[in-house]
Amino acid sequence: MSVNDTPDRTDDTGMTDEEKRRDQLTSAPNAVESDADPRIDVTHREGVTRIDIRDDADVRPGDPTKDPGE
């Protein structure tokens, strides 16, 4: 199951979690729609949750001046 596979739930705002996330990430000055693109994949298997950074994520954690193996 990935983040995008979670059931749509609304609260008193009438927005789903995904809609709230997109709204927050695109409301900043100079924000573009691609700012809200998914950056992680979440899987749940046998009681274990795994979070992976997507290969196609434009924004990645860490120091961009160093190789991941350093």
N, C-alpha and C. Protein backbone atom coordinates (compact mmCIF):
# COMPACT_ATOMS: atom_id res chain seq x y z
N MET A 1 0.85 -1.17 0.00
CA MET A 1 0.00 0.00 0.00
C MET A 1 0.89 1.23 0.00
N SER A 2 0.63 2.19 -0.83
CA SER A 2 1.39 3.43 -0.85
C SER A 2 0.57 4.53 -0.20
N VAL A 3 1.18 5.69 -0.04
CA VAL A 3 0.49 6.83 0.56
C VAL A 3 -0.78 7.14 -0.21
N ASN A 4 -0.71 7.02 -1.53
CA ASN A 4 -1.86 7.35 -2.36
C ASN A 4 -2.95 6.29 -2.33
N ASP A 5 -2.69 5.14 -1.71
CA ASP A 5 -3.68 4.07 -1.63
C ASP A 5 -4.52 4.14 -0.35
N THR A 6 -4.22 5.10 0.53
CA THR A 6 -4.96 5.19 1.78
C THR A 6 -6.38 5.65 1.48
N PRO A 7 -7.34 5.20 2.29
CA PRO A 7 -8.73 5.59 2.04
C PRO A 7 -8.92 7.10 2.17
N ASP A 8 -9.79 7.66 1.36
CA ASP A 8 -10.09 9.08 1.46
C ASP A 8 -10.94 9.33 2.68
N ARG A 9 -10.41 10.13 3.59
CA ARG A 9 -11.14 10.48 4.80
C ARG A 9 -11.27 11.99 4.84
N THR A 10 -12.43 12.48 5.18
CA THR A 10 -12.61 13.92 5.32
C THR A 10 -12.88 14.23 6.78
N ASP A 11 -12.58 15.47 7.15
CA ASP A 11 -12.87 15.92 8.50
C ASP A 11 -13.80 17.12 8.41
N ASP A 12 -13.80 17.97 9.44
CA ASP A 12 -14.73 19.09 9.43
C ASP A 12 -14.40 20.13 8.35
N THR A 13 -13.21 20.05 7.74
CA THR A 13 -12.89 20.96 6.64
C THR A 13 -13.53 20.50 5.33
N GLY A 14 -13.91 19.21 5.27
CA GLY A 14 -14.47 18.65 4.06
C GLY A 14 -13.41 18.23 3.06
N MET A 15 -12.14 18.27 3.49
CA MET A 15 -11.03 17.91 2.61
C MET A 15 -10.41 16.60 3.08
N THR A 16 -9.95 15.81 2.11
CA THR A 16 -9.23 14.58 2.45
C THR A 16 -7.80 14.96 2.86
N ASP A 17 -7.09 14.00 3.44
CA ASP A 17 -5.70 14.24 3.82
C ASP A 17 -4.87 14.65 2.60
N GLU A 18 -5.08 13.98 1.47
CA GLU A 18 -4.34 14.31 0.25
C GLU A 18 -4.67 15.72 -0.23
N GLU A 19 -5.94 16.13 -0.16
CA GLU A 19 -6.32 17.48 -0.57
C GLU A 19 -5.69 18.53 0.33
N LYS A 20 -5.66 18.26 1.63
CA LYS A 20 -5.04 19.19 2.58
C LYS A 20 -3.54 19.30 2.31
N ARG A 21 -2.89 18.16 2.04
CA ARG A 21 -1.45 18.15 1.75
C ARG A 21 -1.16 18.98 0.51
N ARG A 22 -1.91 18.73 -0.56
CA ARG A 22 -1.72 19.47 -1.82
C ARG A 22 -1.98 20.96 -1.60
N ASP A 23 -3.02 21.30 -0.88
CA ASP A 23 -3.36 22.69 -0.61
C ASP A 23 -2.22 23.39 0.14
N GLN A 24 -1.67 22.71 1.13
CA GLN A 24 -0.59 23.30 1.92
C GLN A 24 0.68 23.49 1.08
N LEU A 25 1.02 22.49 0.27
CA LEU A 25 2.26 22.56 -0.50
C LEU A 25 2.18 23.50 -1.70
N THR A 26 1.00 23.83 -2.15
CA THR A 26 0.87 24.72 -3.31
C THR A 26 0.42 26.12 -2.94
N SER A 27 0.26 26.42 -1.65
CA SER A 27 -0.23 27.74 -1.26
C SER A 27 0.89 28.75 -1.00
N ALA A 28 2.14 28.32 -0.95
CA ALA A 28 3.25 29.23 -0.71
C ALA A 28 3.48 30.12 -1.94
N PRO A 29 4.05 31.31 -1.72
CA PRO A 29 4.38 32.16 -2.87
C PRO A 29 5.34 31.42 -3.81
N ASN A 30 5.12 31.56 -5.09
CA ASN A 30 5.93 30.93 -6.14
C ASN A 30 5.81 29.41 -6.19
N ALA A 31 4.87 28.82 -5.48
CA ALA A 31 4.68 27.37 -5.52
C ALA A 31 4.09 26.98 -6.87
N VAL A 32 4.43 25.78 -7.30
CA VAL A 32 3.87 25.23 -8.54
C VAL A 32 3.23 23.89 -8.21
N GLU A 33 2.37 23.42 -9.08
CA GLU A 33 1.62 22.18 -8.84
C GLU A 33 2.54 21.00 -8.56
N SER A 34 3.69 20.94 -9.22
CA SER A 34 4.61 19.81 -9.03
C SER A 34 5.22 19.77 -7.62
N ASP A 35 5.12 20.88 -6.86
CA ASP A 35 5.61 20.87 -5.48
C ASP A 35 4.87 19.84 -4.64
N ALA A 36 3.66 19.50 -5.04
CA ALA A 36 2.84 18.56 -4.28
C ALA A 36 2.96 17.12 -4.78
N ASP A 37 3.85 16.87 -5.73
CA ASP A 37 4.04 15.50 -6.22
C ASP A 37 4.51 14.60 -5.08
N PRO A 38 4.12 13.33 -5.10
CA PRO A 38 4.55 12.40 -4.05
C PRO A 38 6.06 12.27 -4.02
N ARG A 39 6.62 12.18 -2.80
CA ARG A 39 8.06 12.04 -2.63
C ARG A 39 8.43 10.73 -1.95
N ILE A 40 7.45 10.07 -1.37
CA ILE A 40 7.74 8.82 -0.65
C ILE A 40 6.73 7.75 -1.03
N ASP A 41 7.13 6.50 -0.82
CA ASP A 41 6.24 5.36 -0.92
C ASP A 41 6.23 4.70 0.45
N VAL A 42 5.04 4.40 0.96
CA VAL A 42 4.90 3.73 2.25
C VAL A 42 4.28 2.37 2.01
N THR A 43 4.92 1.33 2.53
CA THR A 43 4.37 -0.02 2.43
C THR A 43 4.22 -0.59 3.83
N HIS A 44 3.20 -1.41 3.99
CA HIS A 44 2.92 -2.08 5.26
C HIS A 44 2.88 -3.57 4.99
N ARG A 45 3.77 -4.33 5.61
CA ARG A 45 3.80 -5.78 5.44
C ARG A 45 4.10 -6.44 6.77
N GLU A 46 3.27 -7.38 7.14
CA GLU A 46 3.49 -8.21 8.33
C GLU A 46 3.85 -7.38 9.56
N GLY A 47 3.13 -6.28 9.77
CA GLY A 47 3.34 -5.45 10.94
C GLY A 47 4.53 -4.49 10.84
N VAL A 48 5.17 -4.44 9.68
CA VAL A 48 6.32 -3.56 9.48
C VAL A 48 5.94 -2.47 8.48
N THR A 49 6.24 -1.24 8.82
CA THR A 49 6.00 -0.12 7.92
C THR A 49 7.33 0.32 7.34
N ARG A 50 7.39 0.43 6.02
CA ARG A 50 8.61 0.85 5.34
C ARG A 50 8.32 2.12 4.56
N ILE A 51 9.22 3.10 4.70
CA ILE A 51 9.10 4.37 3.99
C ILE A 51 10.31 4.51 3.09
N ASP A 52 10.06 4.64 1.78
CA ASP A 52 11.14 4.78 0.80
C ASP A 52 10.99 6.10 0.06
N ILE A 53 12.13 6.76 -0.17
CA ILE A 53 12.13 7.97 -1.00
C ILE A 53 11.97 7.51 -2.45
N ARG A 54 11.03 8.11 -3.15
CA ARG A 54 10.77 7.72 -4.54
C ARG A 54 11.95 8.10 -5.42
N ASP A 55 12.26 7.25 -6.40
CA ASP A 55 13.35 7.53 -7.34
C ASP A 55 13.09 8.78 -8.17
N ASP A 56 11.81 9.09 -8.41
CA ASP A 56 11.48 10.24 -9.24
C ASP A 56 11.19 11.51 -8.43
N ALA A 57 11.50 11.49 -7.13
CA ALA A 57 11.25 12.66 -6.28
C ALA A 57 12.22 13.78 -6.64
N ASP A 58 11.69 14.98 -6.91
CA ASP A 58 12.55 16.12 -7.22
C ASP A 58 13.28 16.62 -5.98
N VAL A 59 12.67 16.47 -4.84
CA VAL A 59 13.27 16.93 -3.59
C VAL A 59 13.60 15.70 -2.76
N ARG A 60 14.87 15.61 -2.32
CA ARG A 60 15.33 14.44 -1.58
C ARG A 60 16.02 14.91 -0.31
N PRO A 61 15.95 14.13 0.76
CA PRO A 61 16.63 14.51 2.00
C PRO A 61 18.15 14.37 1.87
N GLY A 62 18.86 15.05 2.72
CA GLY A 62 20.32 14.91 2.75
C GLY A 62 21.04 16.07 2.11
N ASP A 63 22.35 15.99 2.12
CA ASP A 63 23.22 17.02 1.58
C ASP A 63 23.37 16.81 0.07
N PRO A 64 22.89 17.74 -0.74
CA PRO A 64 22.94 17.54 -2.20
C PRO A 64 24.35 17.61 -2.78
N THR A 65 25.34 18.05 -1.97
CA THR A 65 26.70 18.16 -2.48
C THR A 65 27.51 16.88 -2.26
N LYS A 66 26.93 15.90 -1.55
CA LYS A 66 27.64 14.66 -1.26
C LYS A 66 26.95 13.47 -1.91
N ASP A 67 27.75 12.45 -2.26
CA ASP A 67 27.19 11.20 -2.76
C ASP A 67 26.53 10.46 -1.59
N PRO A 68 25.47 9.70 -1.84
CA PRO A 68 24.78 8.99 -0.75
C PRO A 68 25.69 8.05 0.03
N GLY A 69 26.74 7.52 -0.57
CA GLY A 69 27.61 6.58 0.12
C GLY A 69 28.65 7.21 1.02
N GLU A 70 28.78 8.53 0.97
CA GLU A 70 29.81 9.20 1.78
C GLU A 70 29.42 9.31 3.23
